[in-house]
C-alpha atoms as a PDB file:
ATOM      1  CA  MET A   1      -0.181   0.027  -0.059  1.00  0.00           C
ATOM      2  CA  GLU A   2       1.376   3.175  -0.860  1.00  0.00           C
ATOM      3  CA  PRO A   3       1.809   5.860   2.099  1.00  0.00           C
ATOM      4  CA  CYS A   4      -0.366   8.746   2.549  1.00  0.00           C
ATOM      5  CA  PRO A   5       1.308  11.938   1.221  1.00  0.00           C
ATOM      6  CA  HIS A   6       2.058  14.126   4.053  1.00  0.00           C
ATOM      7  CA  LYS A   7      -0.302  17.115   4.482  1.00  0.00           C
ATOM      8  CA  ALA A   8       0.492  20.173   6.114  1.00  0.00           C
ATOM      9  CA  PRO A   9      -1.382  21.438   8.902  1.00  0.00           C
ATOM     10  CA  ARG A  10      -4.078  23.786   8.487  1.00  0.00           C
ATOM     11  CA  ARG A  11      -4.289  26.905  10.299  1.00  0.00           C
ATOM     12  CA  ILE A  12      -7.516  27.608  12.263  1.00  0.00           C
ATOM     13  CA  ASN A  13      -8.029  31.034  10.592  1.00  0.00           C
ATOM     14  CA  GLN A  14      -8.194  29.130   6.810  1.00  0.00           C
ATOM     15  CA  GLU A  15     -11.279  28.412   5.462  1.00  0.00           C
ATOM     16  CA  PRO A  16     -12.003  25.042   4.627  1.00  0.00           C
ATOM     17  CA  ARG A  17     -12.429  23.622   1.049  1.00  0.00           C
ATOM     18  CA  ARG A  18     -15.697  21.913   0.594  1.00  0.00           C
ATOM     19  CA  SER A  19     -13.690  18.665  -0.736  1.00  0.00           C
ATOM     20  CA  ASP A  20     -12.600  19.041   3.142  1.00  0.00           C
ATOM     21  CA  LEU A  21     -15.816  18.253   4.462  1.00  0.00           C
ATOM     22  CA  PRO A  22     -16.927  14.563   4.473  1.00  0.00           C
ATOM     23  CA  SER A  23     -18.892  13.335   1.489  1.00  0.00           C
ATOM     24  CA  LEU A  24     -22.555  12.382   2.732  1.00  0.00           C
ATOM     25  CA  PRO A  25     -26.119  11.635   1.558  1.00  0.00           C
ATOM     26  CA  SER A  26     -27.736  15.034   0.640  1.00  0.00           C
ATOM     27  CA  GLU A  27     -30.461  14.809   3.365  1.00  0.00           C
ATOM     28  CA  ALA A  28     -27.315  14.350   6.165  1.00  0.00           C
ATOM     29  CA  GLU A  29     -25.620  17.129   4.643  1.00  0.00           C
ATOM     30  CA  SER A  30     -27.742  20.219   5.931  1.00  0.00           C
ATOM     31  CA  PRO A  31     -27.401  19.418   9.792  1.00  0.00           C
ATOM     32  CA  LEU A  32     -23.781  18.493   9.247  1.00  0.00           C
ATOM     33  CA  ARG A  33     -23.186  21.901   7.758  1.00  0.00           C
ATOM     34  CA  LEU A  34     -24.925  23.236  10.070  1.00  0.00           C
ATOM     35  CA  ASN A  35     -23.475  21.603  13.290  1.00  0.00           C
ATOM     36  CA  PHE A  36     -19.672  22.640  11.391  1.00  0.00           C
ATOM     37  CA  LEU A  37     -20.764  26.226  10.831  1.00  0.00           C
ATOM     38  CA  HIS A  38     -22.346  26.403  14.613  1.00  0.00           C
ATOM     39  CA  ARG A  39     -18.737  24.915  16.063  1.00  0.00           C
ATOM     40  CA  MET A  40     -16.784  27.520  13.938  1.00  0.00           C
ATOM     41  CA  ALA A  41     -19.195  30.064  15.131  1.00  0.00           C
ATOM     42  CA  LEU A  42     -17.627  29.674  18.739  1.00  0.00           C
ATOM     43  CA  VAL A  43     -14.011  29.989  17.729  1.00  0.00           C
ATOM     44  CA  LYS A  44     -12.959  33.394  19.583  1.00  0.00           C
ATOM     45  CA  THR A  45     -11.071  35.937  17.146  1.00  0.00           C
ATOM     46  CA  ILE A  46      -8.248  37.432  18.357  1.00  0.00           C
ATOM     47  CA  LEU A  47      -6.388  40.430  16.751  1.00  0.00           C
ATOM     48  CA  VAL A  48      -2.855  40.771  17.562  1.00  0.00           C
ATOM     49  CA  VAL A  49      -0.971  44.251  16.825  1.00  0.00           C
ATOM     50  CA  ASP A  50       2.755  44.786  16.884  1.00  0.00           C
ATOM     51  CA  ASP A  51       5.385  46.028  14.407  1.00  0.00           C
ATOM     52  CA  GLU A  52       8.078  43.107  15.217  1.00  0.00           C
ATOM     53  CA  PRO A  53       7.040  40.329  12.769  1.00  0.00           C
ATOM     54  CA  GLN A  54       8.716  37.556  14.720  1.00  0.00           C
ATOM     55  CA  ILE A  55       6.473  38.426  17.802  1.00  0.00           C
ATOM     56  CA  VAL A  56       3.390  38.705  15.447  1.00  0.00           C
ATOM     57  CA  THR A  57       4.346  35.406  14.454  1.00  0.00           C
ATOM     58  CA  LEU A  58       4.880  33.465  17.730  1.00  0.00           C
ATOM     59  CA  VAL A  59       1.998  35.069  19.419  1.00  0.00           C
ATOM     60  CA  ARG A  60      -0.123  33.973  16.454  1.00  0.00           C
ATOM     61  CA  ASP A  61       0.968  30.435  16.462  1.00  0.00           C
ATOM     62  CA  TYR A  62       0.562  29.961  20.104  1.00  0.00           C
ATOM     63  CA  LEU A  63      -2.871  31.402  20.130  1.00  0.00           C
ATOM     64  CA  GLU A  64      -3.912  29.416  16.698  1.00  0.00           C
ATOM     65  CA  HIS A  65      -2.645  25.908  18.749  1.00  0.00           C
ATOM     66  CA  GLY A  66      -4.544  27.366  21.480  1.00  0.00           C
ATOM     67  CA  GLY A  67      -7.976  27.297  19.497  1.00  0.00           C
ATOM     68  CA  PHE A  68      -7.999  30.752  18.685  1.00  0.00           C
ATOM     69  CA  LYS A  69      -9.051  32.489  15.243  1.00  0.00           C
ATOM     70  CA  VAL A  70      -6.134  34.947  14.870  1.00  0.00           C
ATOM     71  CA  PHE A  71      -5.768  38.425  12.586  1.00  0.00           C
ATOM     72  CA  THR A  72      -3.038  40.303  12.356  1.00  0.00           C
ATOM     73  CA  ALA A  73      -1.930  44.154  12.051  1.00  0.00           C
ATOM     74  CA  SER A  74       1.656  46.030  12.259  1.00  0.00           C
ATOM     75  CA  ASP A  75       0.521  49.332  12.817  1.00  0.00           C
ATOM     76  CA  GLY A  76      -1.990  51.539  14.456  1.00  0.00           C
ATOM     77  CA  PRO A  77      -4.261  52.444  11.330  1.00  0.00           C
ATOM     78  CA  SER A  78      -4.619  48.896  10.169  1.00  0.00           C
ATOM     79  CA  ALA A  79      -5.454  47.776  13.453  1.00  0.00           C
ATOM     80  CA  LEU A  80      -8.155  50.236  13.497  1.00  0.00           C
ATOM     81  CA  ARG A  81      -9.451  48.898  10.480  1.00  0.00           C
ATOM     82  CA  THR A  82      -9.244  45.105  11.253  1.00  0.00           C
ATOM     83  CA  ALA A  83     -11.023  46.096  14.024  1.00  0.00           C
ATOM     84  CA  SER A  84     -14.188  47.722  13.013  1.00  0.00           C
ATOM     85  CA  THR A  85     -14.391  45.028   9.734  1.00  0.00           C
ATOM     86  CA  GLN A  86     -13.806  41.672  11.411  1.00  0.00           C
ATOM     87  CA  HIS A  87     -14.938  42.599  15.313  1.00  0.00           C
ATOM     88  CA  PRO A  88     -12.722  40.644  17.185  1.00  0.00           C
ATOM     89  CA  ASP A  89     -13.636  39.457  20.315  1.00  0.00           C
ATOM     90  CA  LEU A  90     -10.212  40.262  21.980  1.00  0.00           C
ATOM     91  CA  VAL A  91      -7.331  42.674  20.948  1.00  0.00           C
ATOM     92  CA  VAL A  92      -3.621  41.902  21.917  1.00  0.00           C
ATOM     93  CA  LEU A  93      -2.101  45.410  21.632  1.00  0.00           C
ATOM     94  CA  ASP A  94       1.703  46.663  21.908  1.00  0.00           C
ATOM     95  CA  LEU A  95       1.976  50.052  23.074  1.00  0.00           C
ATOM     96  CA  GLY A  96       5.067  50.821  21.305  1.00  0.00           C
ATOM     97  CA  LEU A  97       3.845  51.159  18.053  1.00  0.00           C
ATOM     98  CA  PRO A  98       5.197  53.448  15.472  1.00  0.00           C
ATOM     99  CA  GLY A  99       3.045  56.530  14.207  1.00  0.00           C
ATOM    100  CA  ILE A 100      -0.029  55.907  16.008  1.00  0.00           C
ATOM    101  CA  ASP A 101       0.888  53.954  18.976  1.00  0.00           C
ATOM    102  CA  GLY A 102      -0.749  51.878  21.136  1.00  0.00           C
ATOM    103  CA  ILE A 103      -2.582  54.375  23.475  1.00  0.00           C
ATOM    104  CA  ASP A 104      -4.027  56.284  20.719  1.00  0.00           C
ATOM    105  CA  VAL A 105      -5.255  53.024  19.172  1.00  0.00           C
ATOM    106  CA  THR A 106      -6.870  51.944  22.714  1.00  0.00           C
ATOM    107  CA  ARG A 107      -8.314  55.507  22.760  1.00  0.00           C
ATOM    108  CA  SER A 108     -10.031  54.985  19.608  1.00  0.00           C
ATOM    109  CA  LEU A 109     -11.205  51.167  20.081  1.00  0.00           C
ATOM    110  CA  ARG A 110     -12.878  52.673  23.692  1.00  0.00           C
ATOM    111  CA  ARG A 111     -14.553  55.537  21.900  1.00  0.00           C
ATOM    112  CA  ASN A 112     -16.093  52.921  19.567  1.00  0.00           C
ATOM    113  CA  GLY A 113     -16.729  50.065  21.537  1.00  0.00           C
ATOM    114  CA  THR A 114     -15.954  47.710  24.870  1.00  0.00           C
ATOM    115  CA  VAL A 115     -13.551  45.248  23.016  1.00  0.00           C
ATOM    116  CA  PRO A 116     -11.069  43.551  25.845  1.00  0.00           C
ATOM    117  CA  ILE A 117      -7.745  44.625  25.251  1.00  0.00           C
ATOM    118  CA  ILE A 118      -4.517  43.066  26.407  1.00  0.00           C
ATOM    119  CA  MET A 119      -1.251  45.491  26.268  1.00  0.00           C
ATOM    120  CA  LEU A 120       1.555  44.086  25.197  1.00  0.00           C
ATOM    121  CA  THR A 121       4.589  46.962  26.436  1.00  0.00           C
ATOM    122  CA  ALA A 122       8.364  46.629  26.804  1.00  0.00           C
ATOM    123  CA  ARG A 123       7.801  49.540  29.485  1.00  0.00           C
ATOM    124  CA  THR A 124       8.544  48.520  33.013  1.00  0.00           C
ATOM    125  CA  ASP A 125       7.512  51.791  34.635  1.00  0.00           C
ATOM    126  CA  GLU A 126       4.197  51.347  36.432  1.00  0.00           C
ATOM    127  CA  ALA A 127       2.829  54.591  35.165  1.00  0.00           C
ATOM    128  CA  ASP A 128       2.814  53.633  31.485  1.00  0.00           C
ATOM    129  CA  LYS A 129       0.953  50.544  32.557  1.00  0.00           C
ATOM    130  CA  LEU A 130      -1.464  52.609  34.596  1.00  0.00           C
ATOM    131  CA  VAL A 131      -2.298  55.186  31.133  1.00  0.00           C
ATOM    132  CA  GLY A 132      -3.195  51.922  29.225  1.00  0.00           C
ATOM    133  CA  LEU A 133      -5.374  50.867  31.850  1.00  0.00           C
ATOM    134  CA  GLU A 134      -7.006  54.180  32.554  1.00  0.00           C
ATOM    135  CA  LEU A 135      -7.805  54.564  29.098  1.00  0.00           C
ATOM    136  CA  GLY A 136     -10.224  51.198  29.416  1.00  0.00           C
ATOM    137  CA  ALA A 137      -7.313  48.374  28.505  1.00  0.00           C
ATOM    138  CA  ASP A 138      -8.374  45.244  30.457  1.00  0.00           C
ATOM    139  CA  ASP A 139      -4.761  43.906  31.312  1.00  0.00           C
ATOM    140  CA  TYR A 140      -1.090  44.002  30.020  1.00  0.00           C
ATOM    141  CA  VAL A 141       1.797  41.647  29.635  1.00  0.00           C
ATOM    142  CA  THR A 142       5.407  43.048  30.057  1.00  0.00           C
ATOM    143  CA  LYS A 143       7.968  41.956  27.215  1.00  0.00           C
ATOM    144  CA  PRO A 144       9.701  39.965  27.363  1.00  0.00           C
ATOM    145  CA  PHE A 145       7.116  37.368  28.114  1.00  0.00           C
ATOM    146  CA  SER A 146       5.928  33.860  27.738  1.00  0.00           C
ATOM    147  CA  PRO A 147       3.782  33.004  24.798  1.00  0.00           C
ATOM    148  CA  LYS A 148       2.326  30.518  27.007  1.00  0.00           C
ATOM    149  CA  GLU A 149       1.256  33.050  29.810  1.00  0.00           C
ATOM    150  CA  LEU A 150      -0.009  35.090  27.160  1.00  0.00           C
ATOM    151  CA  VAL A 151      -2.212  32.445  26.264  1.00  0.00           C
ATOM    152  CA  ALA A 152      -3.419  32.269  29.869  1.00  0.00           C
ATOM    153  CA  ARG A 153      -4.139  35.825  29.986  1.00  0.00           C
ATOM    154  CA  VAL A 154      -6.238  35.828  26.649  1.00  0.00           C
ATOM    155  CA  ARG A 155      -8.060  32.927  28.370  1.00  0.00           C
ATOM    156  CA  SER A 156      -8.673  34.669  31.533  1.00  0.00           C
ATOM    157  CA  VAL A 157      -9.928  37.983  30.120  1.00  0.00           C
ATOM    158  CA  LEU A 158     -12.274  36.131  27.631  1.00  0.00           C
ATOM    159  CA  ARG A 159     -13.655  34.119  30.985  1.00  0.00           C
ATOM    160  CA  ARG A 160     -13.872  37.572  32.428  1.00  0.00           C
ATOM    161  CA  THR A 161     -15.907  38.621  29.716  1.00  0.00           C
ATOM    162  CA  GLU A 162     -18.266  35.778  29.515  1.00  0.00           C
ATOM    163  CA  ALA A 163     -19.129  35.713  33.247  1.00  0.00           C
ATOM    164  CA  ALA A 164     -19.943  38.926  33.099  1.00  0.00           C
ATOM    165  CA  LYS A 165     -22.678  37.838  30.903  1.00  0.00           C
ATOM    166  CA  ALA A 166     -23.615  34.947  32.861  1.00  0.00           C
ATOM    167  CA  PRO A 167     -27.508  34.539  32.660  1.00  0.00           C
ATOM    168  CA  GLY A 168     -30.246  35.113  34.627  1.00  0.00           C
ATOM    169  CA  ASP A 169     -29.048  37.856  36.610  1.00  0.00           C
ATOM    170  CA  VAL A 170     -30.222  41.568  37.800  1.00  0.00           C
ATOM    171  CA  ILE A 171     -28.471  43.496  40.208  1.00  0.00           C
ATOM    172  CA  ARG A 172     -30.472  46.789  41.674  1.00  0.00           C
ATOM    173  CA  VAL A 173     -29.167  49.279  44.266  1.00  0.00           C
ATOM    174  CA  GLY A 174     -30.917  52.277  44.846  1.00  0.00           C
ATOM    175  CA  ASP A 175     -31.318  54.017  41.261  1.00  0.00           C
ATOM    176  CA  VAL A 176     -28.660  51.686  39.577  1.00  0.00           C
ATOM    177  CA  GLU A 177     -29.402  48.496  37.381  1.00  0.00           C
ATOM    178  CA  LEU A 178     -26.806  46.281  36.189  1.00  0.00           C
ATOM    179  CA  ILE A 179     -28.302  43.482  33.821  1.00  0.00           C
ATOM    180  CA  VAL A 180     -25.768  40.828  33.669  1.00  0.00           C
ATOM    181  CA  PRO A 181     -26.610  39.006  30.853  1.00  0.00           C
ATOM    182  CA  SER A 182     -26.210  41.958  28.321  1.00  0.00           C
ATOM    183  CA  MET A 183     -23.669  43.735  30.371  1.00  0.00           C
ATOM    184  CA  GLU A 184     -26.305  46.731  30.436  1.00  0.00           C
ATOM    185  CA  LEU A 185     -25.465  49.448  33.323  1.00  0.00           C
ATOM    186  CA  THR A 186     -28.274  51.855  33.975  1.00  0.00           C
ATOM    187  CA  ILE A 187     -28.561  54.838  36.528  1.00  0.00           C
ATOM    188  CA  ALA A 188     -31.275  56.737  36.913  1.00  0.00           C
ATOM    189  CA  GLY A 189     -32.621  55.677  33.672  1.00  0.00           C
ATOM    190  CA  ARG A 190     -29.476  56.292  31.813  1.00  0.00           C
ATOM    191  CA  ARG A 191     -27.516  53.933  30.055  1.00  0.00           C
ATOM    192  CA  ILE A 192     -23.867  53.864  30.474  1.00  0.00           C
ATOM    193  CA  GLU A 193     -21.430  51.740  28.351  1.00  0.00           C
ATOM    194  CA  LEU A 194     -18.468  49.676  30.728  1.00  0.00           C
ATOM    195  CA  THR A 195     -15.784  47.511  29.704  1.00  0.00           C
ATOM    196  CA  PRO A 196     -15.902  43.862  30.640  1.00  0.00           C
ATOM    197  CA  THR A 197     -13.673  44.228  33.356  1.00  0.00           C
ATOM    198  CA  GLU A 198     -15.458  47.553  34.649  1.00  0.00           C
ATOM    199  CA  PHE A 199     -18.863  45.949  34.622  1.00  0.00           C
ATOM    200  CA  GLN A 200     -17.441  42.849  36.481  1.00  0.00           C
ATOM    201  CA  LEU A 201     -15.614  45.432  39.265  1.00  0.00           C
ATOM    202  CA  LEU A 202     -18.846  47.197  39.217  1.00  0.00           C
ATOM    203  CA  ALA A 203     -21.010  44.264  39.764  1.00  0.00           C
ATOM    204  CA  THR A 204     -18.776  42.486  42.387  1.00  0.00           C
ATOM    205  CA  MET A 205     -19.398  45.229  44.844  1.00  0.00           C
ATOM    206  CA  ALA A 206     -22.859  46.082  43.890  1.00  0.00           C
ATOM    207  CA  ARG A 207     -23.814  42.629  44.643  1.00  0.00           C
ATOM    208  CA  GLN A 208     -22.695  43.316  48.134  1.00  0.00           C
ATOM    209  CA  PRO A 209     -23.812  47.451  48.842  1.00  0.00           C
ATOM    210  CA  GLY A 210     -21.759  48.583  52.034  1.00  0.00           C
ATOM    211  CA  ARG A 211     -19.019  45.661  52.119  1.00  0.00           C
ATOM    212  CA  VAL A 212     -15.318  46.886  52.055  1.00  0.00           C
ATOM    213  CA  PHE A 213     -13.759  45.194  49.600  1.00  0.00           C
ATOM    214  CA  SER A 214      -9.823  45.437  49.584  1.00  0.00           C
ATOM    215  CA  ARG A 215      -7.829  45.879  46.690  1.00  0.00           C
ATOM    216  CA  ALA A 216      -6.313  42.644  46.298  1.00  0.00           C
ATOM    217  CA  GLN A 217     -10.072  41.386  46.892  1.00  0.00           C
ATOM    218  CA  LEU A 218     -11.164  43.431  43.679  1.00  0.00           C
ATOM    219  CA  LEU A 219      -8.103  42.369  41.682  1.00  0.00           C
ATOM    220  CA  ASN A 220      -8.830  38.779  42.322  1.00  0.00           C
ATOM    221  CA  ALA A 221     -12.553  39.146  41.429  1.00  0.00           C
ATOM    222  CA  VAL A 222     -11.615  40.588  38.091  1.00  0.00           C
ATOM    223  CA  HIS A 223      -8.383  38.962  37.159  1.00  0.00           C
ATOM    224  CA  GLY A 224      -8.670  35.514  38.798  1.00  0.00           C
ATOM    225  CA  ASP A 225      -5.831  33.335  38.017  1.00  0.00           C
ATOM    226  CA  ALA A 226      -3.550  36.490  36.202  1.00  0.00           C
ATOM    227  CA  LEU A 227       0.061  35.477  36.843  1.00  0.00           C
ATOM    228  CA  GLU A 228       0.852  39.343  36.753  1.00  0.00           C
ATOM    229  CA  ALA A 229      -0.929  42.047  38.268  1.00  0.00           C
ATOM    230  CA  PHE A 230      -0.520  44.816  40.714  1.00  0.00           C
ATOM    231  CA  GLU A 231      -3.066  46.586  43.186  1.00  0.00           C
ATOM    232  CA  ARG A 232      -2.705  50.046  41.791  1.00  0.00           C
ATOM    233  CA  ALA A 233      -4.610  48.562  38.488  1.00  0.00           C
ATOM    234  CA  ILE A 234      -7.584  48.438  40.709  1.00  0.00           C
ATOM    235  CA  ASP A 235      -7.503  52.023  41.293  1.00  0.00           C
ATOM    236  CA  ALA A 236      -7.310  53.048  37.549  1.00  0.00           C
ATOM    237  CA  HIS A 237     -10.358  51.146  36.983  1.00  0.00           C
ATOM    238  CA  ILE A 238     -12.059  52.680  39.651  1.00  0.00           C
ATOM    239  CA  LYS A 239     -10.927  55.867  38.244  1.00  0.00           C
ATOM    240  CA  ASN A 240     -12.653  55.030  35.114  1.00  0.00           C
ATOM    241  CA  LEU A 241     -15.797  53.888  36.671  1.00  0.00           C
ATOM    242  CA  ARG A 242     -16.133  57.234  38.270  1.00  0.00           C
ATOM    243  CA  ARG A 243     -15.447  59.235  35.271  1.00  0.00           C
ATOM    244  CA  LYS A 244     -18.519  57.353  33.814  1.00  0.00           C
ATOM    245  CA  ILE A 245     -21.117  56.979  36.508  1.00  0.00           C
ATOM    246  CA  GLU A 246     -20.484  59.553  39.024  1.00  0.00           C
ATOM    247  CA  PRO A 247     -22.112  62.936  38.719  1.00  0.00           C
ATOM    248  CA  ASP A 248     -19.021  64.277  40.095  1.00  0.00           C
ATOM    249  CA  PRO A 249     -16.057  61.985  40.146  1.00  0.00           C
ATOM    250  CA  HIS A 250     -14.092  64.159  42.873  1.00  0.00           C
ATOM    251  CA  ASN A 251     -17.088  63.652  45.348  1.00  0.00           C
ATOM    252  CA  PRO A 252     -18.131  60.046  44.639  1.00  0.00           C
ATOM    253  CA  GLN A 253     -21.650  58.964  45.824  1.00  0.00           C
ATOM    254  CA  TYR A 254     -21.918  55.631  44.707  1.00  0.00           C
ATOM    255  CA  LEU A 255     -17.919  54.479  44.787  1.00  0.00           C
ATOM    256  CA  LEU A 256     -16.888  55.132  48.010  1.00  0.00           C
ATOM    257  CA  THR A 257     -13.184  54.983  49.182  1.00  0.00           C
ATOM    258  CA  VAL A 258     -12.353  53.504  52.523  1.00  0.00           C
ATOM    259  CA  PHE A 259      -8.940  55.064  53.243  1.00  0.00           C
ATOM    260  CA  GLY A 260      -6.514  52.790  54.095  1.00  0.00           C
ATOM    261  CA  VAL A 261      -8.371  49.431  53.041  1.00  0.00           C
ATOM    262  CA  GLY A 262      -9.801  50.000  49.828  1.00  0.00           C
ATOM    263  CA  TYR A 263     -13.410  50.937  48.220  1.00  0.00           C
ATOM    264  CA  ARG A 264     -17.266  49.999  48.697  1.00  0.00           C
ATOM    265  CA  PHE A 265     -20.266  50.501  46.776  1.00  0.00           C
ATOM    266  CA  THR A 266     -22.645  52.867  48.633  1.00  0.00           C
ATOM    267  CA  ASP A 267     -25.511  51.360  50.866  1.00  0.00           C
ATOM    268  CA  ALA A 268     -28.752  52.917  49.280  1.00  0.00           C
ATOM    269  CA  ARG A 269     -30.538  51.840  52.831  1.00  0.00           C
ATOM    270  CA  ARG A 270     -28.125  53.607  54.984  1.00  0.00           C
END
């Protein structure tokens, strides 16, 4: 018997040829095709943005091996175009892009939606990380990094996003209402857009109004098994939330600081 010719592995983001699908009777083909398309729809898409080709290739290969569909871009304008046409589930974004840098790309993405963003940065200064987080990024990884760690971060942020959309949950505290399945927030009837991380952070505190949460507890609630995180990231997220939900962010009435400890959501019954 002749040995089977070697076939090159197919990338996850490569469209299957019709000849790749099993040949079945016509009455069975339709449900099979629907099942295949359903499985494809469940594959999460990731946009990787970095101007270093070797990093893009490495990250893409690890993500595809992890079961993700991957799009890539090497600069800010192409990243924004790809994000607007492909609607990725998450963006891995290098802050040090030429021309339009990652900070400006983050700012633009946040003006147009709430797609989760993981920053890649060679900058070790805490202030650079805080700038990205304050603009609405969900997490960060510092170069040089382990590709396996990055894949773990991607999964963690996506789990966080899915957890925020868990069905059958509505949280009401005074004039604040959070509809968890659709990640909708309304305050006094006004709809407010939040990122997945901001929504989960707010929901964590609003479920137990009046309870004081330490930064470490809040960090664990929104980052879970993240391997690298720092407590000041919570301050950046709280600052973003106050800017969005408080009538006067400098004199908050919903997200209150407990000095020396952390934060609490106001108890409307008090």
